[in-house]
Amino acid sequence: MDNAVLLKMACCFGPAADMLVVLLRFLFHRPITLSGTLIALVVCSILFFVGYKFTFAVFWNRRARRLRAHESEFTLGT
């Protein structure tokens, strides 16, 4: 999983996390402004990208390498 894929995922799931932040602000009766929402959108997208980059992407790439190695062993063995 490279940075381009992670960027696409962050663009899709970052706004969903932002909606959660806006909902929590609404529930706790905090003022909701456009600038605050835009900042939260950017921050949530960046945090999503960084969080996935150092957790799920690492293990995804490790698994992909292992599967490719196993696949090449299987095709060479037949």
N, C-alpha and C. Protein backbone atom coordinates (compact mmCIF):
# COMPACT_ATOMS: atom_id res chain seq x y z
N MET A 1 0.86 -1.16 0.00
CA MET A 1 0.00 0.00 0.00
C MET A 1 0.91 1.23 0.00
N ASP A 2 0.87 1.98 -1.07
CA ASP A 2 1.76 3.13 -1.17
C ASP A 2 1.04 4.42 -0.76
N ASN A 3 1.77 5.51 -0.83
CA ASN A 3 1.23 6.79 -0.38
C ASN A 3 0.04 7.26 -1.23
N ALA A 4 0.02 6.93 -2.50
CA ALA A 4 -1.09 7.34 -3.36
C ALA A 4 -2.40 6.69 -2.91
N VAL A 5 -2.32 5.42 -2.59
CA VAL A 5 -3.51 4.70 -2.10
C VAL A 5 -3.95 5.26 -0.75
N LEU A 6 -2.98 5.52 0.12
CA LEU A 6 -3.32 6.08 1.43
C LEU A 6 -3.92 7.47 1.31
N LEU A 7 -3.44 8.26 0.37
CA LEU A 7 -3.99 9.59 0.16
C LEU A 7 -5.45 9.51 -0.30
N LYS A 8 -5.73 8.57 -1.19
CA LYS A 8 -7.12 8.38 -1.64
C LYS A 8 -8.01 7.95 -0.48
N MET A 9 -7.49 7.05 0.35
CA MET A 9 -8.27 6.60 1.51
C MET A 9 -8.50 7.75 2.49
N ALA A 10 -7.47 8.57 2.70
CA ALA A 10 -7.61 9.70 3.62
C ALA A 10 -8.63 10.70 3.10
N CYS A 11 -8.67 10.88 1.77
CA CYS A 11 -9.66 11.80 1.20
C CYS A 11 -11.09 11.25 1.34
N CYS A 12 -11.22 9.95 1.41
CA CYS A 12 -12.55 9.35 1.58
C CYS A 12 -12.97 9.27 3.04
N PHE A 13 -12.06 8.83 3.90
CA PHE A 13 -12.42 8.56 5.29
C PHE A 13 -12.12 9.72 6.23
N GLY A 14 -11.28 10.65 5.84
CA GLY A 14 -11.02 11.83 6.65
C GLY A 14 -12.27 12.66 6.88
N PRO A 15 -13.05 12.95 5.82
CA PRO A 15 -14.30 13.69 6.04
C PRO A 15 -15.31 12.95 6.92
N ALA A 16 -15.30 11.63 6.88
CA ALA A 16 -16.20 10.87 7.76
C ALA A 16 -15.80 11.07 9.22
N ALA A 17 -14.51 11.08 9.49
CA ALA A 17 -14.04 11.35 10.85
C ALA A 17 -14.36 12.78 11.24
N ASP A 18 -14.27 13.70 10.29
CA ASP A 18 -14.61 15.10 10.56
C ASP A 18 -16.08 15.23 10.95
N MET A 19 -16.94 14.48 10.29
CA MET A 19 -18.37 14.56 10.64
C MET A 19 -18.59 14.09 12.08
N LEU A 20 -17.81 13.13 12.52
CA LEU A 20 -17.89 12.68 13.91
C LEU A 20 -17.47 13.81 14.85
N VAL A 21 -16.41 14.54 14.50
CA VAL A 21 -15.96 15.67 15.31
C VAL A 21 -17.04 16.74 15.38
N VAL A 22 -17.65 17.06 14.23
CA VAL A 22 -18.71 18.07 14.20
C VAL A 22 -19.90 17.60 15.03
N LEU A 23 -20.25 16.35 14.93
CA LEU A 23 -21.37 15.81 15.72
C LEU A 23 -21.08 15.90 17.21
N LEU A 24 -19.87 15.56 17.62
CA LEU A 24 -19.50 15.66 19.03
C LEU A 24 -19.54 17.11 19.51
N ARG A 25 -19.08 18.04 18.69
CA ARG A 25 -19.16 19.46 19.07
C ARG A 25 -20.61 19.89 19.22
N PHE A 26 -21.47 19.40 18.33
CA PHE A 26 -22.90 19.74 18.41
C PHE A 26 -23.52 19.17 19.68
N LEU A 27 -23.18 17.93 20.00
CA LEU A 27 -23.75 17.29 21.18
C LEU A 27 -23.31 17.97 22.48
N PHE A 28 -22.10 18.51 22.49
CA PHE A 28 -21.60 19.18 23.69
C PHE A 28 -21.83 20.68 23.66
N HIS A 29 -22.69 21.12 22.75
CA HIS A 29 -23.12 22.52 22.66
C HIS A 29 -21.95 23.48 22.47
N ARG A 30 -21.00 23.09 21.64
CA ARG A 30 -19.89 23.96 21.29
C ARG A 30 -20.23 24.66 19.98
N PRO A 31 -19.74 25.86 19.79
CA PRO A 31 -20.04 26.56 18.53
C PRO A 31 -19.40 25.85 17.34
N ILE A 32 -20.16 25.75 16.28
CA ILE A 32 -19.67 25.11 15.06
C ILE A 32 -19.52 26.19 14.01
N THR A 33 -18.30 26.43 13.59
CA THR A 33 -18.03 27.44 12.57
C THR A 33 -17.47 26.77 11.33
N LEU A 34 -17.55 27.48 10.21
CA LEU A 34 -17.05 26.94 8.96
C LEU A 34 -15.53 26.78 9.03
N SER A 35 -14.84 27.77 9.56
CA SER A 35 -13.38 27.67 9.63
C SER A 35 -12.96 26.52 10.56
N GLY A 36 -13.65 26.35 11.68
CA GLY A 36 -13.35 25.24 12.58
C GLY A 36 -13.60 23.90 11.93
N THR A 37 -14.66 23.82 11.14
CA THR A 37 -14.99 22.58 10.45
C THR A 37 -13.94 22.27 9.38
N LEU A 38 -13.49 23.28 8.66
CA LEU A 38 -12.47 23.07 7.63
C LEU A 38 -11.15 22.65 8.25
N ILE A 39 -10.79 23.28 9.37
CA ILE A 39 -9.57 22.88 10.06
C ILE A 39 -9.68 21.44 10.55
N ALA A 40 -10.83 21.09 11.11
CA ALA A 40 -11.03 19.71 11.58
C ALA A 40 -10.97 18.73 10.41
N LEU A 41 -11.48 19.13 9.25
CA LEU A 41 -11.43 18.27 8.07
C LEU A 41 -10.00 17.98 7.66
N VAL A 42 -9.18 19.01 7.62
CA VAL A 42 -7.78 18.83 7.24
C VAL A 42 -7.04 18.00 8.29
N VAL A 43 -7.25 18.32 9.56
CA VAL A 43 -6.56 17.60 10.64
C VAL A 43 -6.98 16.13 10.65
N CYS A 44 -8.26 15.85 10.50
CA CYS A 44 -8.72 14.46 10.50
C CYS A 44 -8.15 13.69 9.31
N SER A 45 -8.06 14.32 8.16
CA SER A 45 -7.50 13.64 6.99
C SER A 45 -6.01 13.36 7.18
N ILE A 46 -5.29 14.32 7.73
CA ILE A 46 -3.86 14.12 7.98
C ILE A 46 -3.64 13.04 9.02
N LEU A 47 -4.42 13.07 10.09
CA LEU A 47 -4.28 12.05 11.13
C LEU A 47 -4.63 10.67 10.60
N PHE A 48 -5.64 10.59 9.74
CA PHE A 48 -5.99 9.31 9.13
C PHE A 48 -4.82 8.80 8.30
N PHE A 49 -4.23 9.67 7.47
CA PHE A 49 -3.11 9.28 6.63
C PHE A 49 -1.94 8.78 7.48
N VAL A 50 -1.56 9.56 8.47
CA VAL A 50 -0.40 9.20 9.30
C VAL A 50 -0.69 7.95 10.12
N GLY A 51 -1.90 7.87 10.67
CA GLY A 51 -2.25 6.70 11.47
C GLY A 51 -2.21 5.41 10.66
N TYR A 52 -2.73 5.45 9.45
CA TYR A 52 -2.70 4.26 8.60
C TYR A 52 -1.30 3.97 8.08
N LYS A 53 -0.54 5.02 7.81
CA LYS A 53 0.81 4.84 7.27
C LYS A 53 1.68 4.04 8.22
N PHE A 54 1.56 4.31 9.51
CA PHE A 54 2.45 3.67 10.47
C PHE A 54 1.83 2.46 11.17
N THR A 55 0.61 2.10 10.83
CA THR A 55 0.01 0.91 11.44
C THR A 55 -0.43 -0.07 10.35
N PHE A 56 -1.58 0.15 9.77
CA PHE A 56 -2.16 -0.82 8.84
C PHE A 56 -1.35 -0.99 7.57
N ALA A 57 -0.79 0.08 7.03
CA ALA A 57 -0.03 -0.04 5.78
C ALA A 57 1.22 -0.88 5.98
N VAL A 58 1.86 -0.76 7.11
CA VAL A 58 3.06 -1.56 7.39
C VAL A 58 2.72 -3.04 7.37
N PHE A 59 1.66 -3.41 8.06
CA PHE A 59 1.29 -4.82 8.11
C PHE A 59 0.71 -5.31 6.79
N TRP A 60 0.00 -4.44 6.07
CA TRP A 60 -0.53 -4.80 4.76
C TRP A 60 0.61 -5.11 3.80
N ASN A 61 1.65 -4.27 3.80
CA ASN A 61 2.78 -4.49 2.91
C ASN A 61 3.56 -5.73 3.30
N ARG A 62 3.68 -5.98 4.58
CA ARG A 62 4.37 -7.19 5.05
C ARG A 62 3.62 -8.43 4.59
N ARG A 63 2.30 -8.40 4.70
CA ARG A 63 1.48 -9.53 4.27
C ARG A 63 1.57 -9.72 2.76
N ALA A 64 1.56 -8.62 2.00
CA ALA A 64 1.66 -8.71 0.55
C ALA A 64 2.99 -9.33 0.11
N ARG A 65 4.08 -8.93 0.77
CA ARG A 65 5.38 -9.53 0.45
C ARG A 65 5.38 -11.03 0.75
N ARG A 66 4.79 -11.39 1.87
CA ARG A 66 4.75 -12.80 2.25
C ARG A 66 3.91 -13.60 1.24
N LEU A 67 2.79 -13.05 0.81
CA LEU A 67 1.96 -13.76 -0.17
C LEU A 67 2.65 -13.88 -1.52
N ARG A 68 3.36 -12.82 -1.93
CA ARG A 68 4.10 -12.89 -3.20
C ARG A 68 5.21 -13.93 -3.12
N ALA A 69 5.89 -14.00 -2.00
CA ALA A 69 6.95 -14.99 -1.83
C ALA A 69 6.37 -16.40 -1.86
N HIS A 70 5.26 -16.58 -1.20
CA HIS A 70 4.61 -17.89 -1.19
C HIS A 70 4.12 -18.25 -2.58
N GLU A 71 3.59 -17.28 -3.32
CA GLU A 71 3.09 -17.54 -4.66
C GLU A 71 4.24 -17.92 -5.60
N SER A 72 5.38 -17.25 -5.47
CA SER A 72 6.51 -17.58 -6.34
C SER A 72 7.07 -18.96 -6.00
N GLU A 73 7.06 -19.34 -4.74
CA GLU A 73 7.50 -20.69 -4.35
C GLU A 73 6.55 -21.72 -4.94
N PHE A 74 5.27 -21.42 -4.95
CA PHE A 74 4.29 -22.37 -5.45
C PHE A 74 4.44 -22.55 -6.95
N THR A 75 4.65 -21.47 -7.68
CA THR A 75 4.77 -21.59 -9.14
C THR A 75 6.10 -22.22 -9.52
N LEU A 76 7.17 -21.99 -8.75
CA LEU A 76 8.45 -22.62 -9.05
C LEU A 76 8.45 -24.10 -8.71
N GLY A 77 7.66 -24.48 -7.72
CA GLY A 77 7.65 -25.86 -7.28
C GLY A 77 6.85 -26.78 -8.19
N THR A 78 6.01 -26.26 -9.08
CA THR A 78 5.20 -27.13 -9.93
C THR A 78 5.82 -27.35 -11.26
